[in-house]
Amino acid sequence: MNPFYKIISDHTGLDIVAYAGDKVL
C-alpha cells in the first residue's frame, strides 16, 4: 500500500526503519 496514493503498487526494495541522521553503510 502506497502511503501517499493509498493504492496497491509495486515496492522494489526493503524499508529499514531508522532515525534521521543514522549512518548508512
PDB file of all heavy atoms in Angstrom:
ATOM      1  N   MET A   1       0.836  -1.189   0.000  1.00  0.00           N
ATOM      2  CA  MET A   1       0.000   0.000   0.000  1.00  0.00           C
ATOM      3  C   MET A   1       0.875   1.245   0.000  1.00  0.00           C
ATOM      4  O   MET A   1       1.697   1.438   0.894  1.00  0.00           O
ATOM      5  CB  MET A   1      -0.915   0.002   1.231  1.00  0.00           C
ATOM      6  CG  MET A   1      -1.786   1.245   1.359  1.00  0.00           C
ATOM      7  SD  MET A   1      -3.040   1.360   0.059  1.00  0.00           S
ATOM      8  CE  MET A   1      -4.173   0.070   0.614  1.00  0.00           C
ATOM      9  N   ASN A   2       0.701   2.091  -1.027  1.00  0.00           N
ATOM     10  CA  ASN A   2       1.458   3.340  -1.104  1.00  0.00           C
ATOM     11  C   ASN A   2       0.891   4.323  -0.082  1.00  0.00           C
ATOM     12  O   ASN A   2      -0.327   4.563  -0.044  1.00  0.00           O
ATOM     13  CB  ASN A   2       1.354   3.936  -2.508  1.00  0.00           C
ATOM     14  CG  ASN A   2       2.233   5.154  -2.683  1.00  0.00           C
ATOM     15  OD1 ASN A   2       1.926   6.229  -2.179  1.00  0.00           O
ATOM     16  ND2 ASN A   2       3.335   4.974  -3.402  1.00  0.00           N
ATOM     17  N   PRO A   3       1.744   4.929   0.779  1.00  0.00           N
ATOM     18  CA  PRO A   3       1.235   5.783   1.856  1.00  0.00           C
ATOM     19  C   PRO A   3       0.645   7.104   1.364  1.00  0.00           C
ATOM     20  O   PRO A   3      -0.104   7.751   2.096  1.00  0.00           O
ATOM     21  CB  PRO A   3       2.481   6.011   2.718  1.00  0.00           C
ATOM     22  CG  PRO A   3       3.620   5.885   1.772  1.00  0.00           C
ATOM     23  CD  PRO A   3       3.210   4.817   0.810  1.00  0.00           C
ATOM     24  N   PHE A   4       0.989   7.505   0.144  1.00  0.00           N
ATOM     25  CA  PHE A   4       0.501   8.780  -0.379  1.00  0.00           C
ATOM     26  C   PHE A   4      -0.754   8.610  -1.233  1.00  0.00           C
ATOM     27  O   PHE A   4      -1.729   9.345  -1.078  1.00  0.00           O
ATOM     28  CB  PHE A   4       1.604   9.463  -1.197  1.00  0.00           C
ATOM     29  CG  PHE A   4       2.809   9.818  -0.378  1.00  0.00           C
ATOM     30  CD1 PHE A   4       3.940   9.002  -0.393  1.00  0.00           C
ATOM     31  CD2 PHE A   4       2.834  10.955   0.416  1.00  0.00           C
ATOM     32  CE1 PHE A   4       5.049   9.315   0.366  1.00  0.00           C
ATOM     33  CE2 PHE A   4       3.949  11.277   1.169  1.00  0.00           C
ATOM     34  CZ  PHE A   4       5.071  10.459   1.154  1.00  0.00           C
ATOM     35  N   TYR A   5      -0.732   7.640  -2.141  1.00  0.00           N
ATOM     36  CA  TYR A   5      -1.843   7.474  -3.077  1.00  0.00           C
ATOM     37  C   TYR A   5      -2.893   6.473  -2.591  1.00  0.00           C
ATOM     38  O   TYR A   5      -3.964   6.365  -3.197  1.00  0.00           O
ATOM     39  CB  TYR A   5      -1.299   7.045  -4.443  1.00  0.00           C
ATOM     40  CG  TYR A   5      -0.233   7.969  -4.969  1.00  0.00           C
ATOM     41  CD1 TYR A   5       1.061   7.515  -5.192  1.00  0.00           C
ATOM     42  CD2 TYR A   5      -0.522   9.311  -5.229  1.00  0.00           C
ATOM     43  CE1 TYR A   5       2.045   8.364  -5.667  1.00  0.00           C
ATOM     44  CE2 TYR A   5       0.467  10.170  -5.705  1.00  0.00           C
ATOM     45  CZ  TYR A   5       1.751   9.697  -5.921  1.00  0.00           C
ATOM     46  OH  TYR A   5       2.723  10.537  -6.381  1.00  0.00           O
ATOM     47  N   LYS A   6      -2.573   5.740  -1.510  1.00  0.00           N
ATOM     48  CA  LYS A   6      -3.498   4.770  -0.918  1.00  0.00           C
ATOM     49  C   LYS A   6      -3.970   3.731  -1.936  1.00  0.00           C
ATOM     50  O   LYS A   6      -5.143   3.350  -1.973  1.00  0.00           O
ATOM     51  CB  LYS A   6      -4.697   5.481  -0.296  1.00  0.00           C
ATOM     52  CG  LYS A   6      -4.347   6.492   0.779  1.00  0.00           C
ATOM     53  CD  LYS A   6      -3.524   5.870   1.905  1.00  0.00           C
ATOM     54  CE  LYS A   6      -3.148   6.898   2.951  1.00  0.00           C
ATOM     55  NZ  LYS A   6      -2.297   6.313   4.025  1.00  0.00           N
ATOM     56  N   ILE A   7      -3.045   3.294  -2.774  1.00  0.00           N
ATOM     57  CA  ILE A   7      -3.327   2.227  -3.736  1.00  0.00           C
ATOM     58  C   ILE A   7      -2.231   1.172  -3.622  1.00  0.00           C
ATOM     59  O   ILE A   7      -1.127   1.456  -3.129  1.00  0.00           O
ATOM     60  CB  ILE A   7      -3.397   2.759  -5.187  1.00  0.00           C
ATOM     61  CG1 ILE A   7      -2.045   3.392  -5.576  1.00  0.00           C
ATOM     62  CG2 ILE A   7      -4.543   3.731  -5.355  1.00  0.00           C
ATOM     63  CD1 ILE A   7      -1.967   3.788  -7.030  1.00  0.00           C
ATOM     64  N   ILE A   8      -2.536  -0.028  -4.060  1.00  0.00           N
ATOM     65  CA  ILE A   8      -1.539  -1.098  -4.067  1.00  0.00           C
ATOM     66  C   ILE A   8      -0.618  -0.890  -5.265  1.00  0.00           C
ATOM     67  O   ILE A   8      -1.072  -0.781  -6.406  1.00  0.00           O
ATOM     68  CB  ILE A   8      -2.203  -2.483  -4.151  1.00  0.00           C
ATOM     69  CG1 ILE A   8      -3.136  -2.688  -2.953  1.00  0.00           C
ATOM     70  CG2 ILE A   8      -1.142  -3.581  -4.202  1.00  0.00           C
ATOM     71  CD1 ILE A   8      -2.441  -2.692  -1.620  1.00  0.00           C
ATOM     72  N   SER A   9       0.689  -0.836  -4.999  1.00  0.00           N
ATOM     73  CA  SER A   9       1.668  -0.634  -6.069  1.00  0.00           C
ATOM     74  C   SER A   9       2.896  -1.484  -5.796  1.00  0.00           C
ATOM     75  O   SER A   9       3.074  -2.032  -4.699  1.00  0.00           O
ATOM     76  CB  SER A   9       2.060   0.846  -6.172  1.00  0.00           C
ATOM     77  OG  SER A   9       2.602   1.299  -4.939  1.00  0.00           O
ATOM     78  N   ASP A  10       3.754  -1.588  -6.821  1.00  0.00           N
ATOM     79  CA  ASP A  10       4.975  -2.391  -6.685  1.00  0.00           C
ATOM     80  C   ASP A  10       5.980  -1.674  -5.798  1.00  0.00           C
ATOM     81  O   ASP A  10       6.309  -0.504  -6.022  1.00  0.00           O
ATOM     82  CB  ASP A  10       5.593  -2.654  -8.053  1.00  0.00           C
ATOM     83  CG  ASP A  10       4.763  -3.611  -8.882  1.00  0.00           C
ATOM     84  OD1 ASP A  10       4.165  -4.521  -8.276  1.00  0.00           O
ATOM     85  OD2 ASP A  10       4.699  -3.442 -10.118  1.00  0.00           O
ATOM     86  N   HIS A  11       6.459  -2.391  -4.797  1.00  0.00           N
ATOM     87  CA  HIS A  11       7.516  -1.875  -3.917  1.00  0.00           C
ATOM     88  C   HIS A  11       8.788  -2.648  -4.243  1.00  0.00           C
ATOM     89  O   HIS A  11       8.807  -3.874  -4.169  1.00  0.00           O
ATOM     90  CB  HIS A  11       7.123  -2.061  -2.448  1.00  0.00           C
ATOM     91  CG  HIS A  11       8.001  -1.327  -1.492  1.00  0.00           C
ATOM     92  ND1 HIS A  11       8.781  -1.953  -0.564  1.00  0.00           N
ATOM     93  CD2 HIS A  11       8.226   0.005  -1.344  1.00  0.00           C
ATOM     94  CE1 HIS A  11       9.438  -1.041   0.155  1.00  0.00           C
ATOM     95  NE2 HIS A  11       9.114   0.160  -0.313  1.00  0.00           N
ATOM     96  N   THR A  12       9.849  -1.936  -4.625  1.00  0.00           N
ATOM     97  CA  THR A  12      11.023  -2.598  -5.198  1.00  0.00           C
ATOM     98  C   THR A  12      12.199  -2.725  -4.238  1.00  0.00           C
ATOM     99  O   THR A  12      13.301  -3.077  -4.664  1.00  0.00           O
ATOM    100  CB  THR A  12      11.485  -1.831  -6.447  1.00  0.00           C
ATOM    101  OG1 THR A  12      11.750  -0.466  -6.086  1.00  0.00           O
ATOM    102  CG2 THR A  12      10.425  -1.878  -7.533  1.00  0.00           C
ATOM    103  N   GLY A  13      11.971  -2.447  -2.973  1.00  0.00           N
ATOM    104  CA  GLY A  13      13.071  -2.551  -2.035  1.00  0.00           C
ATOM    105  C   GLY A  13      12.604  -2.914  -0.644  1.00  0.00           C
ATOM    106  O   GLY A  13      11.451  -3.322  -0.441  1.00  0.00           O
ATOM    107  N   LEU A  14      13.502  -2.737   0.322  1.00  0.00           N
ATOM    108  CA  LEU A  14      13.212  -3.026   1.731  1.00  0.00           C
ATOM    109  C   LEU A  14      13.256  -1.726   2.514  1.00  0.00           C
ATOM    110  O   LEU A  14      14.253  -1.000   2.470  1.00  0.00           O
ATOM    111  CB  LEU A  14      14.240  -4.004   2.292  1.00  0.00           C
ATOM    112  CG  LEU A  14      14.188  -4.253   3.801  1.00  0.00           C
ATOM    113  CD1 LEU A  14      12.895  -4.989   4.174  1.00  0.00           C
ATOM    114  CD2 LEU A  14      15.411  -5.052   4.273  1.00  0.00           C
ATOM    115  N   ASP A  15      12.183  -1.433   3.231  1.00  0.00           N
ATOM    116  CA  ASP A  15      12.163  -0.265   4.114  1.00  0.00           C
ATOM    117  C   ASP A  15      12.810  -0.641   5.442  1.00  0.00           C
ATOM    118  O   ASP A  15      12.353  -1.580   6.115  1.00  0.00           O
ATOM    119  CB  ASP A  15      10.722   0.203   4.356  1.00  0.00           C
ATOM    120  CG  ASP A  15      10.101   0.830   3.123  1.00  0.00           C
ATOM    121  OD1 ASP A  15      10.870   1.241   2.228  1.00  0.00           O
ATOM    122  OD2 ASP A  15       8.859   0.904   3.056  1.00  0.00           O
ATOM    123  N   ILE A  16      13.854   0.080   5.812  1.00  0.00           N
ATOM    124  CA  ILE A  16      14.518  -0.142   7.087  1.00  0.00           C
ATOM    125  C   ILE A  16      14.236   1.063   7.972  1.00  0.00           C
ATOM    126  O   ILE A  16      14.640   2.190   7.663  1.00  0.00           O
ATOM    127  CB  ILE A  16      16.033  -0.335   6.907  1.00  0.00           C
ATOM    128  CG1 ILE A  16      16.298  -1.589   6.046  1.00  0.00           C
ATOM    129  CG2 ILE A  16      16.728  -0.471   8.256  1.00  0.00           C
ATOM    130  CD1 ILE A  16      17.767  -1.824   5.749  1.00  0.00           C
ATOM    131  N   VAL A  17      13.511   0.823   9.048  1.00  0.00           N
ATOM    132  CA  VAL A  17      13.137   1.909   9.955  1.00  0.00           C
ATOM    133  C   VAL A  17      14.398   2.433  10.638  1.00  0.00           C
ATOM    134  O   VAL A  17      15.188   1.661  11.205  1.00  0.00           O
ATOM    135  CB  VAL A  17      12.121   1.426  10.999  1.00  0.00           C
ATOM    136  CG1 VAL A  17      11.746   2.557  11.945  1.00  0.00           C
ATOM    137  CG2 VAL A  17      10.886   0.866  10.312  1.00  0.00           C
ATOM    138  N   ALA A  18      14.600   3.760  10.579  1.00  0.00           N
ATOM    139  CA  ALA A  18      15.788   4.368  11.158  1.00  0.00           C
ATOM    140  C   ALA A  18      15.499   5.822  11.514  1.00  0.00           C
ATOM    141  O   ALA A  18      14.524   6.407  11.041  1.00  0.00           O
ATOM    142  CB  ALA A  18      16.967   4.279  10.188  1.00  0.00           C
ATOM    143  N   TYR A  19      16.345   6.376  12.351  1.00  0.00           N
ATOM    144  CA  TYR A  19      16.218   7.788  12.708  1.00  0.00           C
ATOM    145  C   TYR A  19      16.984   8.634  11.704  1.00  0.00           C
ATOM    146  O   TYR A  19      18.009   8.204  11.157  1.00  0.00           O
ATOM    147  CB  TYR A  19      16.776   8.040  14.119  1.00  0.00           C
ATOM    148  CG  TYR A  19      15.984   7.374  15.216  1.00  0.00           C
ATOM    149  CD1 TYR A  19      16.477   6.235  15.860  1.00  0.00           C
ATOM    150  CD2 TYR A  19      14.753   7.881  15.613  1.00  0.00           C
ATOM    151  CE1 TYR A  19      15.755   5.625  16.874  1.00  0.00           C
ATOM    152  CE2 TYR A  19      14.021   7.270  16.632  1.00  0.00           C
ATOM    153  CZ  TYR A  19      14.529   6.150  17.247  1.00  0.00           C
ATOM    154  OH  TYR A  19      13.813   5.530  18.240  1.00  0.00           O
ATOM    155  N   ALA A  20      16.482   9.834  11.473  1.00  0.00           N
ATOM    156  CA  ALA A  20      17.210  10.771  10.625  1.00  0.00           C
ATOM    157  C   ALA A  20      18.579  11.028  11.260  1.00  0.00           C
ATOM    158  O   ALA A  20      18.676  11.319  12.449  1.00  0.00           O
ATOM    159  CB  ALA A  20      16.430  12.081  10.494  1.00  0.00           C
ATOM    160  N   GLY A  21      19.615  10.885  10.441  1.00  0.00           N
ATOM    161  CA  GLY A  21      20.971  11.069  10.937  1.00  0.00           C
ATOM    162  C   GLY A  21      21.722   9.779  11.194  1.00  0.00           C
ATOM    163  O   GLY A  21      22.937   9.800  11.415  1.00  0.00           O
ATOM    164  N   ASP A  22      21.021   8.627  11.166  1.00  0.00           N
ATOM    165  CA  ASP A  22      21.719   7.346  11.324  1.00  0.00           C
ATOM    166  C   ASP A  22      22.656   7.103  10.140  1.00  0.00           C
ATOM    167  O   ASP A  22      22.366   7.499   9.006  1.00  0.00           O
ATOM    168  CB  ASP A  22      20.712   6.197  11.400  1.00  0.00           C
ATOM    169  CG  ASP A  22      20.037   6.114  12.762  1.00  0.00           C
ATOM    170  OD1 ASP A  22      20.440   6.867  13.667  1.00  0.00           O
ATOM    171  OD2 ASP A  22      19.099   5.295  12.906  1.00  0.00           O
ATOM    172  N   LYS A  23      23.756   6.428  10.405  1.00  0.00           N
ATOM    173  CA  LYS A  23      24.741   6.167   9.357  1.00  0.00           C
ATOM    174  C   LYS A  23      24.226   5.106   8.384  1.00  0.00           C
ATOM    175  O   LYS A  23      23.611   4.120   8.789  1.00  0.00           O
ATOM    176  CB  LYS A  23      26.058   5.690   9.970  1.00  0.00           C
ATOM    177  CG  LYS A  23      26.744   6.729  10.841  1.00  0.00           C
ATOM    178  CD  LYS A  23      28.035   6.160  11.425  1.00  0.00           C
ATOM    179  CE  LYS A  23      28.743   7.177  12.298  1.00  0.00           C
ATOM    180  NZ  LYS A  23      29.996   6.638  12.887  1.00  0.00           N
ATOM    181  N   VAL A  24      24.493   5.332   7.099  1.00  0.00           N
ATOM    182  CA  VAL A  24      24.184   4.360   6.059  1.00  0.00           C
ATOM    183  C   VAL A  24      25.498   3.760   5.588  1.00  0.00           C
ATOM    184  O   VAL A  24      26.442   4.487   5.257  1.00  0.00           O
ATOM    185  CB  VAL A  24      23.430   5.017   4.884  1.00  0.00           C
ATOM    186  CG1 VAL A  24      23.199   4.002   3.771  1.00  0.00           C
ATOM    187  CG2 VAL A  24      22.110   5.596   5.358  1.00  0.00           C
ATOM    188  N   LEU A  25      25.573   2.429   5.552  1.00  0.00           N
ATOM    189  CA  LEU A  25      26.820   1.711   5.288  1.00  0.00           C
ATOM    190  C   LEU A  25      26.719   0.893   4.005  1.00  0.00           C
ATOM    191  O   LEU A  25      25.641   0.392   3.646  1.00  0.00           O
ATOM    192  CB  LEU A  25      27.154   0.781   6.461  1.00  0.00           C
ATOM    193  CG  LEU A  25      27.022   1.379   7.865  1.00  0.00           C
ATOM    194  CD1 LEU A  25      27.258   0.303   8.922  1.00  0.00           C
ATOM    195  CD2 LEU A  25      27.999   2.538   8.051  1.00  0.00           C
TER     196      LEU A  25
END
